[in-house]
Amino acid sequence: MIEVKKDLLESLVGIVSLPKVFDIKTERAERKQKRLVKHELHH
């Protein structure tokens, strides 16, 4: 039983921590996009 609970906890932690990494990646991509748009406006 303990092993099963451990596996469940690990998978839950994995589910929780993955979106954070995803958010950081999308945030960086959006920032890069905004920078590109600003760059386009200047020309």
PDB file of N, CA and C in Angstrom:
ATOM      1  N   MET A   1       0.830  -1.219   0.000  1.00  0.00           N
ATOM      2  CA  MET A   1       0.000   0.000   0.000  1.00  0.00           C
ATOM      3  C   MET A   1       0.858   1.260   0.000  1.00  0.00           C
ATOM      4  N   ILE A   2       1.925   1.242   0.778  1.00  0.00           N
ATOM      5  CA  ILE A   2       2.775   2.437   0.879  1.00  0.00           C
ATOM      6  C   ILE A   2       3.372   2.774  -0.491  1.00  0.00           C
ATOM      7  N   GLU A   3       3.807   1.749  -1.209  1.00  0.00           N
ATOM      8  CA  GLU A   3       4.400   1.988  -2.530  1.00  0.00           C
ATOM      9  C   GLU A   3       3.403   2.650  -3.479  1.00  0.00           C
ATOM     10  N   VAL A   4       2.158   2.176  -3.439  1.00  0.00           N
ATOM     11  CA  VAL A   4       1.123   2.745  -4.309  1.00  0.00           C
ATOM     12  C   VAL A   4       0.916   4.215  -3.981  1.00  0.00           C
ATOM     13  N   LYS A   5       0.839   4.526  -2.689  1.00  0.00           N
ATOM     14  CA  LYS A   5       0.649   5.923  -2.283  1.00  0.00           C
ATOM     15  C   LYS A   5       1.817   6.779  -2.758  1.00  0.00           C
ATOM     16  N   LYS A   6       3.024   6.239  -2.654  1.00  0.00           N
ATOM     17  CA  LYS A   6       4.215   6.976  -3.081  1.00  0.00           C
ATOM     18  C   LYS A   6       4.128   7.272  -4.583  1.00  0.00           C
ATOM     19  N   ASP A   7       3.739   6.265  -5.354  1.00  0.00           N
ATOM     20  CA  ASP A   7       3.601   6.452  -6.798  1.00  0.00           C
ATOM     21  C   ASP A   7       2.562   7.525  -7.111  1.00  0.00           C
ATOM     22  N   LEU A   8       1.443   7.478  -6.397  1.00  0.00           N
ATOM     23  CA  LEU A   8       0.390   8.472  -6.614  1.00  0.00           C
ATOM     24  C   LEU A   8       0.900   9.869  -6.309  1.00  0.00           C
ATOM     25  N   LEU A   9       1.602  10.006  -5.190  1.00  0.00           N
ATOM     26  CA  LEU A   9       2.142  11.309  -4.804  1.00  0.00           C
ATOM     27  C   LEU A   9       3.111  11.819  -5.862  1.00  0.00           C
ATOM     28  N   GLU A  10       3.994  10.933  -6.326  1.00  0.00           N
ATOM     29  CA  GLU A  10       4.977  11.345  -7.325  1.00  0.00           C
ATOM     30  C   GLU A  10       4.309  11.792  -8.618  1.00  0.00           C
ATOM     31  N   SER A  11       3.282  11.060  -9.034  1.00  0.00           N
ATOM     32  CA  SER A  11       2.594  11.448 -10.270  1.00  0.00           C
ATOM     33  C   SER A  11       1.840  12.758 -10.078  1.00  0.00           C
ATOM     34  N   LEU A  12       1.296  12.967  -8.880  1.00  0.00           N
ATOM     35  CA  LEU A  12       0.608  14.231  -8.599  1.00  0.00           C
ATOM     36  C   LEU A  12       1.596  15.383  -8.624  1.00  0.00           C
ATOM     37  N   VAL A  13       2.742  15.184  -7.998  1.00  0.00           N
ATOM     38  CA  VAL A  13       3.777  16.221  -7.980  1.00  0.00           C
ATOM     39  C   VAL A  13       4.229  16.509  -9.411  1.00  0.00           C
ATOM     40  N   GLY A  14       4.361  15.460 -10.207  1.00  0.00           N
ATOM     41  CA  GLY A  14       4.754  15.645 -11.600  1.00  0.00           C
ATOM     42  C   GLY A  14       3.733  16.473 -12.350  1.00  0.00           C
ATOM     43  N   ILE A  15       2.452  16.204 -12.098  1.00  0.00           N
ATOM     44  CA  ILE A  15       1.382  16.951 -12.765  1.00  0.00           C
ATOM     45  C   ILE A  15       1.403  18.407 -12.325  1.00  0.00           C
ATOM     46  N   VAL A  16       1.705  18.633 -11.047  1.00  0.00           N
ATOM     47  CA  VAL A  16       1.701  20.000 -10.518  1.00  0.00           C
ATOM     48  C   VAL A  16       2.909  20.789 -11.017  1.00  0.00           C
ATOM     49  N   SER A  17       4.075  20.159 -11.068  1.00  0.00           N
ATOM     50  CA  SER A  17       5.289  20.896 -11.391  1.00  0.00           C
ATOM     51  C   SER A  17       5.473  21.114 -12.892  1.00  0.00           C
ATOM     52  N   LEU A  18       4.872  20.262 -13.715  1.00  0.00           N
ATOM     53  CA  LEU A  18       5.019  20.432 -15.161  1.00  0.00           C
ATOM     54  C   LEU A  18       4.430  21.742 -15.677  1.00  0.00           C
ATOM     55  N   PRO A  19       3.201  22.098 -15.303  1.00  0.00           N
ATOM     56  CA  PRO A  19       2.634  23.349 -15.817  1.00  0.00           C
ATOM     57  C   PRO A  19       3.488  24.570 -15.504  1.00  0.00           C
ATOM     58  N   LYS A  20       4.186  24.573 -14.373  1.00  0.00           N
ATOM     59  CA  LYS A  20       5.045  25.710 -14.038  1.00  0.00           C
ATOM     60  C   LYS A  20       6.110  25.892 -15.107  1.00  0.00           C
ATOM     61  N   VAL A  21       6.759  24.788 -15.472  1.00  0.00           N
ATOM     62  CA  VAL A  21       7.784  24.843 -16.511  1.00  0.00           C
ATOM     63  C   VAL A  21       7.156  25.310 -17.815  1.00  0.00           C
ATOM     64  N   PHE A  22       5.974  24.789 -18.111  1.00  0.00           N
ATOM     65  CA  PHE A  22       5.266  25.155 -19.336  1.00  0.00           C
ATOM     66  C   PHE A  22       4.934  26.646 -19.336  1.00  0.00           C
ATOM     67  N   ASP A  23       4.471  27.149 -18.182  1.00  0.00           N
ATOM     68  CA  ASP A  23       4.134  28.571 -18.068  1.00  0.00           C
ATOM     69  C   ASP A  23       5.352  29.434 -18.320  1.00  0.00           C
ATOM     70  N   ILE A  24       6.491  29.049 -17.760  1.00  0.00           N
ATOM     71  CA  ILE A  24       7.717  29.821 -17.945  1.00  0.00           C
ATOM     72  C   ILE A  24       8.077  29.850 -19.428  1.00  0.00           C
ATOM     73  N   LYS A  25       7.970  28.718 -20.086  1.00  0.00           N
ATOM     74  CA  LYS A  25       8.303  28.649 -21.516  1.00  0.00           C
ATOM     75  C   LYS A  25       7.366  29.525 -22.333  1.00  0.00           C
ATOM     76  N   THR A  26       6.070  29.446 -22.071  1.00  0.00           N
ATOM     77  CA  THR A  26       5.118  30.245 -22.845  1.00  0.00           C
ATOM     78  C   THR A  26       5.302  31.724 -22.536  1.00  0.00           C
ATOM     79  N   GLU A  27       5.619  32.041 -21.280  1.00  0.00           N
ATOM     80  CA  GLU A  27       5.830  33.432 -20.900  1.00  0.00           C
ATOM     81  C   GLU A  27       7.015  34.006 -21.668  1.00  0.00           C
ATOM     82  N   ARG A  28       8.096  33.232 -21.746  1.00  0.00           N
ATOM     83  CA  ARG A  28       9.275  33.676 -22.485  1.00  0.00           C
ATOM     84  C   ARG A  28       8.946  33.846 -23.961  1.00  0.00           C
ATOM     85  N   ALA A  29       8.201  32.898 -24.503  1.00  0.00           N
ATOM     86  CA  ALA A  29       7.823  32.976 -25.914  1.00  0.00           C
ATOM     87  C   ALA A  29       6.991  34.226 -26.173  1.00  0.00           C
ATOM     88  N   GLU A  30       6.046  34.515 -25.278  1.00  0.00           N
ATOM     89  CA  GLU A  30       5.205  35.701 -25.442  1.00  0.00           C
ATOM     90  C   GLU A  30       6.038  36.969 -25.356  1.00  0.00           C
ATOM     91  N   ARG A  31       6.986  36.994 -24.419  1.00  0.00           N
ATOM     92  CA  ARG A  31       7.847  38.164 -24.273  1.00  0.00           C
ATOM     93  C   ARG A  31       8.663  38.379 -25.543  1.00  0.00           C
ATOM     94  N   LYS A  32       9.188  37.281 -26.080  1.00  0.00           N
ATOM     95  CA  LYS A  32       9.968  37.355 -27.308  1.00  0.00           C
ATOM     96  C   LYS A  32       9.089  37.884 -28.437  1.00  0.00           C
ATOM     97  N   GLN A  33       7.855  37.392 -28.485  1.00  0.00           N
ATOM     98  CA  GLN A  33       6.905  37.827 -29.507  1.00  0.00           C
ATOM     99  C   GLN A  33       6.650  39.325 -29.391  1.00  0.00           C
ATOM    100  N   LYS A  34       6.423  39.815 -28.171  1.00  0.00           N
ATOM    101  CA  LYS A  34       6.176  41.240 -27.959  1.00  0.00           C
ATOM    102  C   LYS A  34       7.374  42.056 -28.415  1.00  0.00           C
ATOM    103  N   ARG A  35       8.569  41.557 -28.106  1.00  0.00           N
ATOM    104  CA  ARG A  35       9.779  42.265 -28.495  1.00  0.00           C
ATOM    105  C   ARG A  35       9.865  42.345 -30.020  1.00  0.00           C
ATOM    106  N   LEU A  36       9.518  41.250 -30.684  1.00  0.00           N
ATOM    107  CA  LEU A  36       9.538  41.234 -32.146  1.00  0.00           C
ATOM    108  C   LEU A  36       8.527  42.230 -32.702  1.00  0.00           C
ATOM    109  N   VAL A  37       7.348  42.285 -32.100  1.00  0.00           N
ATOM    110  CA  VAL A  37       6.315  43.216 -32.560  1.00  0.00           C
ATOM    111  C   VAL A  37       6.802  44.648 -32.396  1.00  0.00           C
ATOM    112  N   LYS A  38       7.400  44.962 -31.244  1.00  0.00           N
ATOM    113  CA  LYS A  38       7.928  46.308 -31.020  1.00  0.00           C
ATOM    114  C   LYS A  38       8.986  46.625 -32.067  1.00  0.00           C
ATOM    115  N   HIS A  39       9.839  45.655 -32.335  1.00  0.00           N
ATOM    116  CA  HIS A  39      10.909  45.830 -33.310  1.00  0.00           C
ATOM    117  C   HIS A  39      10.319  46.141 -34.687  1.00  0.00           C
ATOM    118  N   GLU A  40       9.253  45.430 -35.033  1.00  0.00           N
ATOM    119  CA  GLU A  40       8.591  45.658 -36.325  1.00  0.00           C
ATOM    120  C   GLU A  40       8.004  47.065 -36.386  1.00  0.00           C
ATOM    121  N   LEU A  41       7.436  47.534 -35.291  1.00  0.00           N
ATOM    122  CA  LEU A  41       6.806  48.852 -35.275  1.00  0.00           C
ATOM    123  C   LEU A  41       7.829  49.961 -35.495  1.00  0.00           C
ATOM    124  N   HIS A  42       9.039  49.776 -35.004  1.00  0.00           N
ATOM    125  CA  HIS A  42      10.056  50.823 -35.136  1.00  0.00           C
ATOM    126  C   HIS A  42      10.491  51.029 -36.584  1.00  0.00           C
ATOM    127  N   HIS A  43      10.441  49.995 -37.392  1.00  0.00           N
ATOM    128  CA  HIS A  43      10.932  50.110 -38.777  1.00  0.00           C
ATOM    129  C   HIS A  43       9.921  50.758 -39.704  1.00  0.00           C
TER     130      HIS A  43
END
